[in-house]
């Protein structure tokens, strides 16, 4: 499950890099056509990157939330559950003569 999440995040990062390059190409074309100045193009790319970062953060939050919901639905023991059980077993073993 962790590998799948890591691969998804890596894919998202790859898309973000590709999107940056795509955005820069698009903005360069607008500059060449005279529709944007160089300064406006830098600002525009910065805005696009900021929006992309916000979208990526939101996507990661949603993935984490859905993953937690899925794991909760499976009713698996948590690390805390296992630690509690181990402590309880140790207490029981220490009580026996």
PDB file of N, CA and C in Angstrom:
ATOM      1  N   UNK A   1       0.827  -1.190   0.000  1.00  0.00           N
ATOM      2  CA  UNK A   1       0.000   0.000   0.000  1.00  0.00           C
ATOM      3  C   UNK A   1       0.875   1.259   0.000  1.00  0.00           C
ATOM      4  N   UNK A   2       1.959   1.233   0.834  1.00  0.00           N
ATOM      5  CA  UNK A   2       2.854   2.386   0.888  1.00  0.00           C
ATOM      6  C   UNK A   2       3.499   2.624  -0.463  1.00  0.00           C
ATOM      7  N   UNK A   3       3.905   1.540  -1.132  1.00  0.00           N
ATOM      8  CA  UNK A   3       4.540   1.685  -2.438  1.00  0.00           C
ATOM      9  C   UNK A   3       3.590   2.343  -3.430  1.00  0.00           C
ATOM     10  N   UNK A   4       2.337   1.948  -3.378  1.00  0.00           N
ATOM     11  CA  UNK A   4       1.360   2.530  -4.285  1.00  0.00           C
ATOM     12  C   UNK A   4       1.220   4.028  -4.030  1.00  0.00           C
ATOM     13  N   UNK A   5       1.202   4.409  -2.763  1.00  0.00           N
ATOM     14  CA  UNK A   5       1.089   5.831  -2.414  1.00  0.00           C
ATOM     15  C   UNK A   5       2.341   6.574  -2.869  1.00  0.00           C
ATOM     16  N   UNK A   6       3.514   5.984  -2.618  1.00  0.00           N
ATOM     17  CA  UNK A   6       4.764   6.616  -3.035  1.00  0.00           C
ATOM     18  C   UNK A   6       4.807   6.789  -4.548  1.00  0.00           C
ATOM     19  N   UNK A   7       4.368   5.755  -5.271  1.00  0.00           N
ATOM     20  CA  UNK A   7       4.356   5.850  -6.729  1.00  0.00           C
ATOM     21  C   UNK A   7       3.398   6.941  -7.192  1.00  0.00           C
ATOM     22  N   UNK A   8       2.260   7.044  -6.521  1.00  0.00           N
ATOM     23  CA  UNK A   8       1.299   8.091  -6.863  1.00  0.00           C
ATOM     24  C   UNK A   8       1.863   9.473  -6.627  1.00  0.00           C
ATOM     25  N   UNK A   9       2.558   9.639  -5.498  1.00  0.00           N
ATOM     26  CA  UNK A   9       3.160  10.942  -5.211  1.00  0.00           C
ATOM     27  C   UNK A   9       4.292  11.250  -6.192  1.00  0.00           C
ATOM     28  N   UNK A  10       5.088  10.234  -6.536  1.00  0.00           N
ATOM     29  CA  UNK A  10       6.165  10.432  -7.512  1.00  0.00           C
ATOM     30  C   UNK A  10       5.575  10.827  -8.860  1.00  0.00           C
ATOM     31  N   UNK A  11       4.481  10.203  -9.219  1.00  0.00           N
ATOM     32  CA  UNK A  11       3.812  10.547 -10.465  1.00  0.00           C
ATOM     33  C   UNK A  11       3.342  11.992 -10.413  1.00  0.00           C
ATOM     34  N   UNK A  12       2.769  12.382  -9.282  1.00  0.00           N
ATOM     35  CA  UNK A  12       2.315  13.761  -9.121  1.00  0.00           C
ATOM     36  C   UNK A  12       3.450  14.748  -9.238  1.00  0.00           C
ATOM     37  N   UNK A  13       4.604  14.412  -8.638  1.00  0.00           N
ATOM     38  CA  UNK A  13       5.770  15.290  -8.741  1.00  0.00           C
ATOM     39  C   UNK A  13       6.269  15.354 -10.181  1.00  0.00           C
ATOM     40  N   UNK A  14       6.270  14.210 -10.842  1.00  0.00           N
ATOM     41  CA  UNK A  14       6.677  14.183 -12.245  1.00  0.00           C
ATOM     42  C   UNK A  14       5.765  15.039 -13.104  1.00  0.00           C
ATOM     43  N   UNK A  15       4.487  14.943 -12.837  1.00  0.00           N
ATOM     44  CA  UNK A  15       3.529  15.768 -13.578  1.00  0.00           C
ATOM     45  C   UNK A  15       3.731  17.240 -13.282  1.00  0.00           C
ATOM     46  N   UNK A  16       4.076  17.555 -12.030  1.00  0.00           N
ATOM     47  CA  UNK A  16       4.304  18.949 -11.655  1.00  0.00           C
ATOM     48  C   UNK A  16       5.494  19.512 -12.425  1.00  0.00           C
ATOM     49  N   UNK A  17       6.576  18.728 -12.539  1.00  0.00           N
ATOM     50  CA  UNK A  17       7.751  19.183 -13.289  1.00  0.00           C
ATOM     51  C   UNK A  17       7.388  19.349 -14.761  1.00  0.00           C
ATOM     52  N   UNK A  18       6.697  18.354 -15.303  1.00  0.00           N
ATOM     53  CA  UNK A  18       6.291  18.425 -16.705  1.00  0.00           C
ATOM     54  C   UNK A  18       5.354  19.608 -16.910  1.00  0.00           C
ATOM     55  N   UNK A  19       4.470  19.853 -15.947  1.00  0.00           N
ATOM     56  CA  UNK A  19       3.532  20.963 -16.065  1.00  0.00           C
ATOM     57  C   UNK A  19       4.267  22.295 -16.043  1.00  0.00           C
ATOM     58  N   UNK A  20       5.322  22.384 -15.220  1.00  0.00           N
ATOM     59  CA  UNK A  20       6.104  23.619 -15.174  1.00  0.00           C
ATOM     60  C   UNK A  20       6.713  23.887 -16.542  1.00  0.00           C
ATOM     61  N   UNK A  21       7.294  22.847 -17.125  1.00  0.00           N
ATOM     62  CA  UNK A  21       7.903  23.007 -18.446  1.00  0.00           C
ATOM     63  C   UNK A  21       6.843  23.389 -19.479  1.00  0.00           C
ATOM     64  N   UNK A  22       5.691  22.746 -19.400  1.00  0.00           N
ATOM     65  CA  UNK A  22       4.595  23.061 -20.324  1.00  0.00           C
ATOM     66  C   UNK A  22       4.147  24.512 -20.149  1.00  0.00           C
ATOM     67  N   UNK A  23       4.017  24.926 -18.865  1.00  0.00           N
ATOM     68  CA  UNK A  23       3.582  26.297 -18.583  1.00  0.00           C
ATOM     69  C   UNK A  23       4.595  27.300 -19.131  1.00  0.00           C
ATOM     70  N   UNK A  24       5.875  27.013 -18.933  1.00  0.00           N
ATOM     71  CA  UNK A  24       6.906  27.927 -19.432  1.00  0.00           C
ATOM     72  C   UNK A  24       6.879  28.016 -20.951  1.00  0.00           C
ATOM     73  N   UNK A  25       6.672  26.883 -21.616  1.00  0.00           N
ATOM     74  CA  UNK A  25       6.575  26.892 -23.083  1.00  0.00           C
ATOM     75  C   UNK A  25       5.378  27.721 -23.538  1.00  0.00           C
ATOM     76  N   UNK A  26       4.243  27.514 -22.876  1.00  0.00           N
ATOM     77  CA  UNK A  26       3.036  28.238 -23.234  1.00  0.00           C
ATOM     78  C   UNK A  26       3.239  29.743 -23.043  1.00  0.00           C
ATOM     79  N   UNK A  27       3.859  30.100 -21.918  1.00  0.00           N
ATOM     80  CA  UNK A  27       4.083  31.514 -21.625  1.00  0.00           C
ATOM     81  C   UNK A  27       5.085  32.108 -22.611  1.00  0.00           C
ATOM     82  N   UNK A  28       6.116  31.340 -22.968  1.00  0.00           N
ATOM     83  CA  UNK A  28       7.079  31.826 -23.965  1.00  0.00           C
ATOM     84  C   UNK A  28       6.391  32.133 -25.291  1.00  0.00           C
ATOM     85  N   UNK A  29       5.454  31.280 -25.652  1.00  0.00           N
ATOM     86  CA  UNK A  29       4.693  31.520 -26.897  1.00  0.00           C
ATOM     87  C   UNK A  29       3.887  32.819 -26.791  1.00  0.00           C
ATOM     88  N   UNK A  30       3.286  33.054 -25.633  1.00  0.00           N
ATOM     89  CA  UNK A  30       2.518  34.291 -25.448  1.00  0.00           C
ATOM     90  C   UNK A  30       3.430  35.518 -25.514  1.00  0.00           C
ATOM     91  N   UNK A  31       4.647  35.384 -24.998  1.00  0.00           N
ATOM     92  CA  UNK A  31       5.616  36.490 -25.058  1.00  0.00           C
ATOM     93  C   UNK A  31       6.008  36.743 -26.507  1.00  0.00           C
ATOM     94  N   UNK A  32       6.268  35.661 -27.247  1.00  0.00           N
ATOM     95  CA  UNK A  32       6.657  35.795 -28.651  1.00  0.00           C
ATOM     96  C   UNK A  32       5.561  36.482 -29.458  1.00  0.00           C
ATOM     97  N   UNK A  33       4.315  36.176 -29.126  1.00  0.00           N
ATOM     98  CA  UNK A  33       3.187  36.778 -29.845  1.00  0.00           C
ATOM     99  C   UNK A  33       2.922  38.213 -29.381  1.00  0.00           C
ATOM    100  N   UNK A  34       3.604  38.609 -28.307  1.00  0.00           N
ATOM    101  CA  UNK A  34       3.420  39.972 -27.806  1.00  0.00           C
ATOM    102  C   UNK A  34       2.229  40.116 -26.883  1.00  0.00           C
ATOM    103  N   UNK A  35       1.638  39.014 -26.467  1.00  0.00           N
ATOM    104  CA  UNK A  35       0.467  39.071 -25.597  1.00  0.00           C
ATOM    105  C   UNK A  35       0.851  39.236 -24.129  1.00  0.00           C
ATOM    106  N   UNK A  36       2.116  38.922 -23.803  1.00  0.00           N
ATOM    107  CA  UNK A  36       2.622  39.092 -22.443  1.00  0.00           C
ATOM    108  C   UNK A  36       4.023  39.676 -22.509  1.00  0.00           C
ATOM    109  N   UNK A  37       4.365  40.499 -21.515  1.00  0.00           N
ATOM    110  CA  UNK A  37       5.740  40.982 -21.415  1.00  0.00           C
ATOM    111  C   UNK A  37       6.553  39.940 -20.646  1.00  0.00           C
ATOM    112  N   UNK A  38       7.873  40.090 -20.657  1.00  0.00           N
ATOM    113  CA  UNK A  38       8.735  39.157 -19.915  1.00  0.00           C
ATOM    114  C   UNK A  38       8.387  39.172 -18.425  1.00  0.00           C
ATOM    115  N   UNK A  39       8.186  40.369 -17.871  1.00  0.00           N
ATOM    116  CA  UNK A  39       7.857  40.472 -16.434  1.00  0.00           C
ATOM    117  C   UNK A  39       6.512  39.810 -16.143  1.00  0.00           C
ATOM    118  N   UNK A  40       5.527  40.057 -16.994  1.00  0.00           N
ATOM    119  CA  UNK A  40       4.218  39.426 -16.814  1.00  0.00           C
ATOM    120  C   UNK A  40       4.329  37.909 -16.927  1.00  0.00           C
ATOM    121  N   UNK A  41       5.202  37.438 -17.818  1.00  0.00           N
ATOM    122  CA  UNK A  41       5.345  35.993 -18.011  1.00  0.00           C
ATOM    123  C   UNK A  41       5.916  35.346 -16.756  1.00  0.00           C
ATOM    124  N   UNK A  42       6.903  35.998 -16.124  1.00  0.00           N
ATOM    125  CA  UNK A  42       7.471  35.452 -14.886  1.00  0.00           C
ATOM    126  C   UNK A  42       6.405  35.383 -13.791  1.00  0.00           C
ATOM    127  N   UNK A  43       5.644  36.453 -13.678  1.00  0.00           N
ATOM    128  CA  UNK A  43       4.580  36.475 -12.667  1.00  0.00           C
ATOM    129  C   UNK A  43       3.545  35.390 -12.948  1.00  0.00           C
ATOM    130  N   UNK A  44       3.201  35.231 -14.212  1.00  0.00           N
ATOM    131  CA  UNK A  44       2.203  34.245 -14.601  1.00  0.00           C
ATOM    132  C   UNK A  44       2.678  32.828 -14.275  1.00  0.00           C
ATOM    133  N   UNK A  45       3.947  32.534 -14.606  1.00  0.00           N
ATOM    134  CA  UNK A  45       4.504  31.211 -14.300  1.00  0.00           C
ATOM    135  C   UNK A  45       4.527  30.995 -12.791  1.00  0.00           C
ATOM    136  N   UNK A  46       4.937  32.023 -12.039  1.00  0.00           N
ATOM    137  CA  UNK A  46       4.955  31.912 -10.573  1.00  0.00           C
ATOM    138  C   UNK A  46       3.569  31.606 -10.028  1.00  0.00           C
ATOM    139  N   UNK A  47       2.556  32.286 -10.548  1.00  0.00           N
ATOM    140  CA  UNK A  47       1.176  32.046 -10.111  1.00  0.00           C
ATOM    141  C   UNK A  47       0.747  30.610 -10.433  1.00  0.00           C
ATOM    142  N   UNK A  48       1.071  30.172 -11.633  1.00  0.00           N
ATOM    143  CA  UNK A  48       0.727  28.800 -12.018  1.00  0.00           C
ATOM    144  C   UNK A  48       1.403  27.787 -11.103  1.00  0.00           C
ATOM    145  N   UNK A  49       2.667  28.012 -10.791  1.00  0.00           N
ATOM    146  CA  UNK A  49       3.393  27.088  -9.923  1.00  0.00           C
ATOM    147  C   UNK A  49       2.807  27.084  -8.515  1.00  0.00           C
ATOM    148  N   UNK A  50       2.443  28.256  -8.013  1.00  0.00           N
ATOM    149  CA  UNK A  50       1.835  28.332  -6.682  1.00  0.00           C
ATOM    150  C   UNK A  50       0.512  27.573  -6.653  1.00  0.00           C
ATOM    151  N   UNK A  51      -0.291  27.767  -7.683  1.00  0.00           N
ATOM    152  CA  UNK A  51      -1.562  27.052  -7.750  1.00  0.00           C
ATOM    153  C   UNK A  51      -1.329  25.546  -7.860  1.00  0.00           C
ATOM    154  N   UNK A  52      -0.310  25.157  -8.629  1.00  0.00           N
ATOM    155  CA  UNK A  52       0.021  23.741  -8.753  1.00  0.00           C
ATOM    156  C   UNK A  52       0.464  23.145  -7.424  1.00  0.00           C
ATOM    157  N   UNK A  53       1.265  23.893  -6.665  1.00  0.00           N
ATOM    158  CA  UNK A  53       1.713  23.415  -5.354  1.00  0.00           C
ATOM    159  C   UNK A  53       0.528  23.260  -4.400  1.00  0.00           C
ATOM    160  N   UNK A  54      -0.371  24.238  -4.424  1.00  0.00           N
ATOM    161  CA  UNK A  54      -1.563  24.156  -3.567  1.00  0.00           C
ATOM    162  C   UNK A  54      -2.419  22.944  -3.954  1.00  0.00           C
ATOM    163  N   UNK A  55      -2.556  22.722  -5.249  1.00  0.00           N
ATOM    164  CA  UNK A  55      -3.346  21.578  -5.711  1.00  0.00           C
ATOM    165  C   UNK A  55      -2.678  20.266  -5.305  1.00  0.00           C
ATOM    166  N   UNK A  56      -1.347  20.222  -5.371  1.00  0.00           N
ATOM    167  CA  UNK A  56      -0.629  19.012  -4.982  1.00  0.00           C
ATOM    168  C   UNK A  56      -0.788  18.753  -3.489  1.00  0.00           C
ATOM    169  N   UNK A  57      -0.697  19.786  -2.675  1.00  0.00           N
ATOM    170  CA  UNK A  57      -0.882  19.640  -1.229  1.00  0.00           C
ATOM    171  C   UNK A  57      -2.285  19.132  -0.926  1.00  0.00           C
ATOM    172  N   UNK A  58      -3.267  19.680  -1.610  1.00  0.00           N
ATOM    173  CA  UNK A  58      -4.647  19.239  -1.405  1.00  0.00           C
ATOM    174  C   UNK A  58      -4.826  17.793  -1.847  1.00  0.00           C
ATOM    175  N   UNK A  59      -4.199  17.422  -2.958  1.00  0.00           N
ATOM    176  CA  UNK A  59      -4.278  16.045  -3.436  1.00  0.00           C
ATOM    177  C   UNK A  59      -3.650  15.093  -2.430  1.00  0.00           C
ATOM    178  N   UNK A  60      -2.485  15.457  -1.884  1.00  0.00           N
ATOM    179  CA  UNK A  60      -1.828  14.620  -0.887  1.00  0.00           C
ATOM    180  C   UNK A  60      -2.708  14.480   0.358  1.00  0.00           C
ATOM    181  N   UNK A  61      -3.367  15.564   0.756  1.00  0.00           N
ATOM    182  CA  UNK A  61      -4.259  15.517   1.918  1.00  0.00           C
ATOM    183  C   UNK A  61      -5.419  14.570   1.648  1.00  0.00           C
ATOM    184  N   UNK A  62      -5.981  14.666   0.451  1.00  0.00           N
ATOM    185  CA  UNK A  62      -7.111  13.804   0.101  1.00  0.00           C
ATOM    186  C   UNK A  62      -6.678  12.340   0.040  1.00  0.00           C
ATOM    187  N   UNK A  63      -5.501  12.077  -0.507  1.00  0.00           N
ATOM    188  CA  UNK A  63      -4.995  10.701  -0.582  1.00  0.00           C
ATOM    189  C   UNK A  63      -4.791  10.149   0.815  1.00  0.00           C
ATOM    190  N   UNK A  64      -4.186  10.953   1.694  1.00  0.00           N
ATOM    191  CA  UNK A  64      -3.976  10.512   3.079  1.00  0.00           C
ATOM    192  C   UNK A  64      -5.298  10.216   3.768  1.00  0.00           C
ATOM    193  N   UNK A  65      -6.268  11.093   3.569  1.00  0.00           N
ATOM    194  CA  UNK A  65      -7.579  10.908   4.197  1.00  0.00           C
ATOM    195  C   UNK A  65      -8.252   9.634   3.681  1.00  0.00           C
ATOM    196  N   UNK A  66      -8.241   9.436   2.384  1.00  0.00           N
ATOM    197  CA  UNK A  66      -8.874   8.243   1.803  1.00  0.00           C
ATOM    198  C   UNK A  66      -8.147   6.971   2.229  1.00  0.00           C
ATOM    199  N   UNK A  67      -6.816   7.030   2.287  1.00  0.00           N
ATOM    200  CA  UNK A  67      -6.043   5.870   2.724  1.00  0.00           C
ATOM    201  C   UNK A  67      -6.397   5.508   4.153  1.00  0.00           C
ATOM    202  N   UNK A  68      -6.484   6.526   5.007  1.00  0.00           N
ATOM    203  CA  UNK A  68      -6.852   6.289   6.408  1.00  0.00           C
ATOM    204  C   UNK A  68      -8.250   5.678   6.495  1.00  0.00           C
ATOM    205  N   UNK A  69      -9.186   6.209   5.710  1.00  0.00           N
ATOM    206  CA  UNK A  69     -10.549   5.665   5.699  1.00  0.00           C
ATOM    207  C   UNK A  69     -10.544   4.197   5.266  1.00  0.00           C
ATOM    208  N   UNK A  70      -9.768   3.900   4.219  1.00  0.00           N
ATOM    209  CA  UNK A  70      -9.696   2.516   3.743  1.00  0.00           C
ATOM    210  C   UNK A  70      -9.110   1.593   4.805  1.00  0.00           C
ATOM    211  N   UNK A  71      -8.022   2.022   5.432  1.00  0.00           N
ATOM    212  CA  UNK A  71      -7.384   1.202   6.454  1.00  0.00           C
ATOM    213  C   UNK A  71      -8.290   1.035   7.667  1.00  0.00           C
ATOM    214  N   UNK A  72      -8.981   2.105   8.044  1.00  0.00           N
ATOM    215  CA  UNK A  72      -9.929   2.005   9.161  1.00  0.00           C
ATOM    216  C   UNK A  72     -11.040   1.014   8.841  1.00  0.00           C
ATOM    217  N   UNK A  73     -11.477   1.009   7.592  1.00  0.00           N
ATOM    218  CA  UNK A  73     -12.528   0.100   7.163  1.00  0.00           C
ATOM    219  C   UNK A  73     -12.104  -1.357   7.190  1.00  0.00           C
ATOM    220  N   UNK A  74     -10.810  -1.613   7.060  1.00  0.00           N
ATOM    221  CA  UNK A  74     -10.302  -2.977   7.107  1.00  0.00           C
ATOM    222  C   UNK A  74     -10.204  -3.505   8.528  1.00  0.00           C
ATOM    223  N   UNK A  75     -10.326  -2.603   9.479  1.00  0.00           N
ATOM    224  CA  UNK A  75     -10.317  -2.966  10.895  1.00  0.00           C
ATOM    225  C   UNK A  75      -9.016  -3.699  11.280  1.00  0.00           C
ATOM    226  N   UNK A  76      -7.882  -3.167  10.807  1.00  0.00           N
ATOM    227  CA  UNK A  76      -6.583  -3.746  11.102  1.00  0.00           C
ATOM    228  C   UNK A  76      -6.067  -3.237  12.446  1.00  0.00           C
ATOM    229  N   UNK A  77      -5.236  -4.037  13.080  1.00  0.00           N
ATOM    230  CA  UNK A  77      -4.620  -3.620  14.339  1.00  0.00           C
ATOM    231  C   UNK A  77      -3.592  -2.526  14.054  1.00  0.00           C
ATOM    232  N   UNK A  78      -3.598  -1.515  14.902  1.00  0.00           N
ATOM    233  CA  UNK A  78      -2.627  -0.441  14.771  1.00  0.00           C
ATOM    234  C   UNK A  78      -1.376  -0.785  15.573  1.00  0.00           C
ATOM    235  N   UNK A  79      -0.328  -0.014  15.396  1.00  0.00           N
ATOM    236  CA  UNK A  79       0.890  -0.200  16.180  1.00  0.00           C
ATOM    237  C   UNK A  79       0.577  -0.077  17.664  1.00  0.00           C
ATOM    238  N   UNK A  80      -0.273   0.868  17.986  1.00  0.00           N
ATOM    239  CA  UNK A  80      -0.647   1.079  19.386  1.00  0.00           C
ATOM    240  C   UNK A  80      -1.392  -0.129  19.941  1.00  0.00           C
ATOM    241  N   UNK A  81      -2.277  -0.706  19.135  1.00  0.00           N
ATOM    242  CA  UNK A  81      -2.995  -1.913  19.563  1.00  0.00           C
ATOM    243  C   UNK A  81      -2.009  -3.040  19.875  1.00  0.00           C
ATOM    244  N   UNK A  82      -1.059  -3.234  18.998  1.00  0.00           N
ATOM    245  CA  UNK A  82      -0.079  -4.313  19.173  1.00  0.00           C
ATOM    246  C   UNK A  82       0.802  -4.046  20.388  1.00  0.00           C
ATOM    247  N   UNK A  83       1.220  -2.809  20.567  1.00  0.00           N
ATOM    248  CA  UNK A  83       2.041  -2.469  21.735  1.00  0.00           C
ATOM    249  C   UNK A  83       1.264  -2.706  23.029  1.00  0.00           C
ATOM    250  N   UNK A  84      -0.009  -2.344  23.033  1.00  0.00           N
ATOM    251  CA  UNK A  84      -0.852  -2.565  24.215  1.00  0.00           C
ATOM    252  C   UNK A  84      -0.953  -4.056  24.530  1.00  0.00           C
ATOM    253  N   UNK A  85      -1.165  -4.851  23.489  1.00  0.00           N
ATOM    254  CA  UNK A  85      -1.259  -6.301  23.679  1.00  0.00           C
ATOM    255  C   UNK A  85       0.069  -6.885  24.171  1.00  0.00           C
ATOM    256  N   UNK A  86       1.171  -6.421  23.624  1.00  0.00           N
ATOM    257  CA  UNK A  86       2.478  -6.903  24.068  1.00  0.00           C
ATOM    258  C   UNK A  86       2.713  -6.566  25.543  1.00  0.00           C
ATOM    259  N   UNK A  87       2.327  -5.347  25.924  1.00  0.00           N
ATOM    260  CA  UNK A  87       2.475  -4.952  27.334  1.00  0.00           C
ATOM    261  C   UNK A  87       1.595  -5.814  28.232  1.00  0.00           C
ATOM    262  N   UNK A  88       0.396  -6.089  27.772  1.00  0.00           N
ATOM    263  CA  UNK A  88      -0.531  -6.913  28.558  1.00  0.00           C
ATOM    264  C   UNK A  88       0.004  -8.337  28.702  1.00  0.00           C
ATOM    265  N   UNK A  89       0.534  -8.896  27.625  1.00  0.00           N
ATOM    266  CA  UNK A  89       1.120 -10.251  27.674  1.00  0.00           C
ATOM    267  C   UNK A  89       2.287 -10.269  28.651  1.00  0.00           C
ATOM    268  N   UNK A  90       3.117  -9.249  28.585  1.00  0.00           N
ATOM    269  CA  UNK A  90       4.256  -9.171  29.502  1.00  0.00           C
ATOM    270  C   UNK A  90       3.782  -9.083  30.951  1.00  0.00           C
ATOM    271  N   UNK A  91       2.739  -8.320  31.221  1.00  0.00           N
ATOM    272  CA  UNK A  91       2.193  -8.212  32.579  1.00  0.00           C
ATOM    273  C   UNK A  91       1.685  -9.577  33.058  1.00  0.00           C
ATOM    274  N   UNK A  92       0.976 -10.277  32.188  1.00  0.00           N
ATOM    275  CA  UNK A  92       0.432 -11.595  32.545  1.00  0.00           C
ATOM    276  C   UNK A  92       1.575 -12.568  32.820  1.00  0.00           C
ATOM    277  N   UNK A  93       2.600 -12.555  31.970  1.00  0.00           N
ATOM    278  CA  UNK A  93       3.731 -13.444  32.169  1.00  0.00           C
ATOM    279  C   UNK A  93       4.467 -13.140  33.480  1.00  0.00           C
ATOM    280  N   UNK A  94       4.557 -11.898  33.829  1.00  0.00           N
ATOM    281  CA  UNK A  94       5.225 -11.516  35.082  1.00  0.00           C
ATOM    282  C   UNK A  94       4.419 -11.882  36.314  1.00  0.00           C
ATOM    283  N   UNK A  95       3.118 -12.038  36.175  1.00  0.00           N
ATOM    284  CA  UNK A  95       2.255 -12.394  37.301  1.00  0.00           C
ATOM    285  C   UNK A  95       2.326 -13.889  37.626  1.00  0.00           C
ATOM    286  N   UNK A  96       2.675 -14.696  36.650  1.00  0.00           N
ATOM    287  CA  UNK A  96       2.697 -16.170  36.856  1.00  0.00           C
ATOM    288  C   UNK A  96       3.951 -16.539  37.659  1.00  0.00           C
ATOM    289  N   UNK A  97       3.794 -17.511  38.612  1.00  0.00           N
ATOM    290  CA  UNK A  97       4.936 -17.931  39.433  1.00  0.00           C
ATOM    291  C   UNK A  97       5.978 -18.705  38.670  1.00  0.00           C
TER     292      UNK A  97
END
